Each structure stands twice: as structure tokens, then as C-alpha cells.
């Protein structure tokens, strides 16, 4: 399961700040929603259900986009390493 680092600050407007690196990023509304779902402890299936109810997206397309997005979060060092809480 993907976990956002606990020290990452995320505003309601989609501004993301990493105090460890000093870097900041902006999320679009759907990216913000997905990050908030990840932070709340939802797994992929729960996120898929939530997003599918709100947006017209098929599960295969969403799965591809979701894991591409998560890979980007990993590259930016915004997620916890695997196996670490």
C-alpha cells in the first residue's frame, strides 16, 4: 500500500510542501483528491471506487494513470519506502 510521508504538508488548494527537501509542488484537483485518499489510508480498490463514482473513467485507464501518478510521487520522494510505516 502506498503511503505519503507524514511530514509532507498538503493544503486544500493542492499546494504540497516537503520540509525535508524544501521542495514544493502543485497538484490539480484530481491529483489532490487521490493524494488525500492515499493519506487517509485508502487502498487502490477503495480509491478506484471513489474516483469511478465521481468521474467517468474505466478501471483499466484509471489503474494505469494511478500507478504512473504514484511513480511520480515516489520519484519526488513524497512516499514512504516500501515496508515502512
N, C-alpha and C. Protein backbone atom coordinates (compact mmCIF):
# COMPACT_ATOMS: atom_id res chain seq x y z
N UNK A 1 0.84 -1.18 0.00
CA UNK A 1 0.00 0.00 0.00
C UNK A 1 0.89 1.25 0.00
N UNK A 2 0.49 2.22 -0.77
CA UNK A 2 1.24 3.48 -0.88
C UNK A 2 0.95 4.34 0.34
N UNK A 3 2.00 4.97 0.88
CA UNK A 3 1.83 5.89 1.99
C UNK A 3 2.59 7.17 1.70
N UNK A 4 1.92 8.29 1.91
CA UNK A 4 2.55 9.60 1.80
C UNK A 4 3.33 9.83 3.09
N UNK A 5 4.53 10.38 2.99
CA UNK A 5 5.32 10.66 4.19
C UNK A 5 4.53 11.55 5.14
N UNK A 6 4.69 11.30 6.43
CA UNK A 6 3.92 12.03 7.44
C UNK A 6 4.28 13.51 7.50
N UNK A 7 5.51 13.87 7.14
CA UNK A 7 5.92 15.27 7.26
C UNK A 7 5.54 16.13 6.05
N UNK A 8 4.92 15.52 5.05
CA UNK A 8 4.53 16.25 3.85
C UNK A 8 3.28 17.08 4.16
N UNK A 9 3.35 18.37 3.89
CA UNK A 9 2.21 19.27 4.12
C UNK A 9 1.45 19.44 2.81
N UNK A 10 0.13 19.27 2.88
CA UNK A 10 -0.72 19.41 1.69
C UNK A 10 -1.87 20.33 2.03
N UNK A 11 -1.98 21.43 1.29
CA UNK A 11 -3.06 22.37 1.54
C UNK A 11 -4.31 21.96 0.77
N UNK A 12 -5.44 22.55 1.14
CA UNK A 12 -6.70 22.27 0.45
C UNK A 12 -6.70 22.76 -0.99
N UNK A 13 -5.77 23.66 -1.32
CA UNK A 13 -5.70 24.18 -2.68
C UNK A 13 -4.77 23.35 -3.57
N UNK A 14 -4.12 22.32 -2.99
CA UNK A 14 -3.27 21.45 -3.79
C UNK A 14 -1.79 21.79 -3.72
N UNK A 15 -1.41 22.69 -2.82
CA UNK A 15 -0.01 23.03 -2.63
C UNK A 15 0.62 21.97 -1.74
N UNK A 16 1.73 21.39 -2.20
CA UNK A 16 2.43 20.33 -1.47
C UNK A 16 3.81 20.85 -1.09
N UNK A 17 4.17 20.69 0.19
CA UNK A 17 5.48 21.14 0.66
C UNK A 17 6.18 20.00 1.37
N UNK A 18 7.44 19.75 0.96
CA UNK A 18 8.27 18.73 1.59
C UNK A 18 9.31 19.45 2.44
N UNK A 19 9.12 19.48 3.77
CA UNK A 19 10.06 20.21 4.63
C UNK A 19 11.45 19.59 4.65
N UNK A 20 11.55 18.31 4.34
CA UNK A 20 12.85 17.66 4.32
C UNK A 20 13.76 18.17 3.22
N UNK A 21 13.19 18.46 2.06
CA UNK A 21 13.98 18.92 0.93
C UNK A 21 13.79 20.42 0.65
N UNK A 22 12.69 20.98 1.17
CA UNK A 22 12.36 22.37 0.89
C UNK A 22 11.62 22.55 -0.43
N UNK A 23 11.35 21.43 -1.12
CA UNK A 23 10.67 21.49 -2.42
C UNK A 23 9.17 21.67 -2.23
N UNK A 24 8.54 22.31 -3.20
CA UNK A 24 7.09 22.45 -3.19
C UNK A 24 6.54 22.13 -4.57
N UNK A 25 5.31 21.68 -4.60
CA UNK A 25 4.65 21.24 -5.82
C UNK A 25 3.19 21.68 -5.79
N UNK A 26 2.57 21.68 -6.95
CA UNK A 26 1.13 21.96 -7.05
C UNK A 26 0.44 20.77 -7.68
N UNK A 27 -0.67 20.36 -7.08
CA UNK A 27 -1.49 19.29 -7.61
C UNK A 27 -2.74 19.86 -8.25
N UNK A 28 -3.20 19.23 -9.33
CA UNK A 28 -4.50 19.61 -9.86
C UNK A 28 -5.57 18.99 -8.97
N UNK A 29 -6.85 19.37 -9.13
CA UNK A 29 -7.88 18.87 -8.21
C UNK A 29 -7.98 17.34 -8.13
N UNK A 30 -7.86 16.64 -9.25
CA UNK A 30 -7.97 15.18 -9.17
C UNK A 30 -6.73 14.58 -8.50
N UNK A 31 -5.55 15.14 -8.75
CA UNK A 31 -4.34 14.67 -8.07
C UNK A 31 -4.44 14.90 -6.58
N UNK A 32 -4.95 16.06 -6.19
CA UNK A 32 -5.14 16.38 -4.77
C UNK A 32 -6.09 15.38 -4.13
N UNK A 33 -7.18 15.07 -4.81
CA UNK A 33 -8.15 14.11 -4.26
C UNK A 33 -7.51 12.74 -4.06
N UNK A 34 -6.72 12.30 -5.02
CA UNK A 34 -6.08 10.99 -4.91
C UNK A 34 -5.07 11.00 -3.76
N UNK A 35 -4.27 12.05 -3.63
CA UNK A 35 -3.31 12.13 -2.54
C UNK A 35 -4.03 12.13 -1.19
N UNK A 36 -5.14 12.86 -1.09
CA UNK A 36 -5.90 12.87 0.16
C UNK A 36 -6.45 11.48 0.48
N UNK A 37 -6.89 10.75 -0.53
CA UNK A 37 -7.38 9.39 -0.32
C UNK A 37 -6.25 8.47 0.14
N UNK A 38 -5.07 8.63 -0.46
CA UNK A 38 -3.91 7.84 -0.04
C UNK A 38 -3.56 8.16 1.41
N UNK A 39 -3.52 9.45 1.74
CA UNK A 39 -3.19 9.87 3.11
C UNK A 39 -4.19 9.34 4.13
N UNK A 40 -5.44 9.19 3.71
CA UNK A 40 -6.46 8.71 4.65
C UNK A 40 -6.41 7.19 4.81
N UNK A 41 -5.48 6.54 4.11
CA UNK A 41 -5.30 5.10 4.30
C UNK A 41 -6.06 4.22 3.33
N UNK A 42 -6.66 4.81 2.31
CA UNK A 42 -7.41 4.02 1.34
C UNK A 42 -6.45 3.21 0.46
N UNK A 43 -6.87 2.00 0.10
CA UNK A 43 -6.06 1.20 -0.81
C UNK A 43 -6.52 1.47 -2.25
N UNK A 44 -5.85 0.84 -3.21
CA UNK A 44 -6.16 1.10 -4.61
C UNK A 44 -7.62 0.85 -4.93
N UNK A 45 -8.17 -0.27 -4.46
CA UNK A 45 -9.57 -0.62 -4.77
C UNK A 45 -10.53 0.46 -4.25
N UNK A 46 -10.30 0.93 -3.04
CA UNK A 46 -11.17 1.96 -2.46
C UNK A 46 -11.04 3.28 -3.22
N UNK A 47 -9.82 3.61 -3.64
CA UNK A 47 -9.60 4.84 -4.41
C UNK A 47 -10.28 4.71 -5.76
N UNK A 48 -10.15 3.57 -6.40
CA UNK A 48 -10.81 3.33 -7.70
C UNK A 48 -12.32 3.50 -7.57
N UNK A 49 -12.93 2.94 -6.53
CA UNK A 49 -14.37 3.06 -6.33
C UNK A 49 -14.78 4.51 -6.14
N UNK A 50 -14.04 5.24 -5.33
CA UNK A 50 -14.35 6.64 -5.06
C UNK A 50 -14.25 7.48 -6.33
N UNK A 51 -13.16 7.31 -7.06
CA UNK A 51 -12.94 8.10 -8.27
C UNK A 51 -13.94 7.71 -9.36
N UNK A 52 -14.23 6.42 -9.49
CA UNK A 52 -15.16 5.95 -10.52
C UNK A 52 -16.57 6.50 -10.31
N UNK A 53 -16.95 6.67 -9.04
CA UNK A 53 -18.28 7.22 -8.74
C UNK A 53 -18.37 8.70 -9.14
N UNK A 54 -17.24 9.38 -9.08
CA UNK A 54 -17.24 10.83 -9.30
C UNK A 54 -16.92 11.21 -10.75
N UNK A 55 -16.06 10.44 -11.39
CA UNK A 55 -15.60 10.76 -12.74
C UNK A 55 -15.88 9.61 -13.69
N UNK A 56 -16.00 9.92 -14.96
CA UNK A 56 -16.19 8.87 -15.97
C UNK A 56 -14.82 8.36 -16.38
N UNK A 57 -14.40 7.27 -15.78
CA UNK A 57 -13.11 6.67 -16.11
C UNK A 57 -13.24 5.16 -15.95
N UNK A 58 -12.72 4.42 -16.93
CA UNK A 58 -12.78 2.96 -16.81
C UNK A 58 -11.64 2.49 -15.92
N UNK A 59 -11.81 1.34 -15.31
CA UNK A 59 -10.86 0.87 -14.31
C UNK A 59 -9.47 0.63 -14.88
N UNK A 60 -9.38 0.14 -16.12
CA UNK A 60 -8.06 -0.10 -16.71
C UNK A 60 -7.29 1.20 -16.91
N UNK A 61 -7.96 2.21 -17.43
CA UNK A 61 -7.32 3.51 -17.63
C UNK A 61 -6.92 4.12 -16.29
N UNK A 62 -7.83 4.06 -15.33
CA UNK A 62 -7.52 4.64 -14.02
C UNK A 62 -6.33 3.93 -13.39
N UNK A 63 -6.29 2.62 -13.50
CA UNK A 63 -5.18 1.87 -12.89
C UNK A 63 -3.84 2.33 -13.48
N UNK A 64 -3.79 2.47 -14.78
CA UNK A 64 -2.55 2.93 -15.44
C UNK A 64 -2.18 4.33 -14.96
N UNK A 65 -3.15 5.25 -14.96
CA UNK A 65 -2.88 6.63 -14.53
C UNK A 65 -2.49 6.68 -13.05
N UNK A 66 -3.16 5.88 -12.23
CA UNK A 66 -2.89 5.87 -10.79
C UNK A 66 -1.44 5.46 -10.53
N UNK A 67 -1.02 4.36 -11.14
CA UNK A 67 0.34 3.87 -10.88
C UNK A 67 1.40 4.77 -11.50
N UNK A 68 1.10 5.44 -12.61
CA UNK A 68 2.02 6.45 -13.15
C UNK A 68 2.14 7.62 -12.16
N UNK A 69 1.00 8.03 -11.59
CA UNK A 69 0.99 9.12 -10.62
C UNK A 69 1.78 8.74 -9.37
N UNK A 70 1.56 7.52 -8.87
CA UNK A 70 2.28 7.04 -7.69
C UNK A 70 3.79 6.97 -7.98
N UNK A 71 4.16 6.56 -9.19
CA UNK A 71 5.58 6.52 -9.56
C UNK A 71 6.18 7.92 -9.52
N UNK A 72 5.41 8.92 -9.95
CA UNK A 72 5.88 10.30 -9.88
C UNK A 72 6.04 10.74 -8.42
N UNK A 73 5.08 10.39 -7.57
CA UNK A 73 5.20 10.71 -6.14
C UNK A 73 6.45 10.07 -5.56
N UNK A 74 6.74 8.82 -5.95
CA UNK A 74 7.95 8.13 -5.49
C UNK A 74 9.20 8.87 -5.94
N UNK A 75 9.23 9.28 -7.21
CA UNK A 75 10.41 9.99 -7.75
C UNK A 75 10.66 11.31 -7.03
N UNK A 76 9.58 11.93 -6.56
CA UNK A 76 9.70 13.19 -5.84
C UNK A 76 9.97 12.97 -4.35
N UNK A 77 10.08 11.70 -3.95
CA UNK A 77 10.35 11.32 -2.55
C UNK A 77 9.26 11.79 -1.60
N UNK A 78 8.02 11.70 -2.05
CA UNK A 78 6.87 12.09 -1.21
C UNK A 78 6.20 10.90 -0.55
N UNK A 79 6.64 9.68 -0.90
CA UNK A 79 6.05 8.47 -0.32
C UNK A 79 7.05 7.79 0.59
N UNK A 80 6.51 6.96 1.48
CA UNK A 80 7.35 6.16 2.38
C UNK A 80 7.96 5.02 1.59
N UNK A 81 9.18 4.62 1.90
CA UNK A 81 9.75 3.43 1.26
C UNK A 81 8.88 2.20 1.58
N UNK A 82 8.88 1.23 0.68
CA UNK A 82 8.08 0.01 0.89
C UNK A 82 8.42 -0.63 2.24
N UNK A 83 7.37 -1.06 2.92
CA UNK A 83 7.54 -1.78 4.17
C UNK A 83 7.75 -0.89 5.37
N UNK A 84 7.75 0.43 5.20
CA UNK A 84 7.97 1.34 6.32
C UNK A 84 6.69 2.11 6.61
N UNK A 85 6.34 2.21 7.89
CA UNK A 85 5.15 2.97 8.27
C UNK A 85 5.47 4.42 8.46
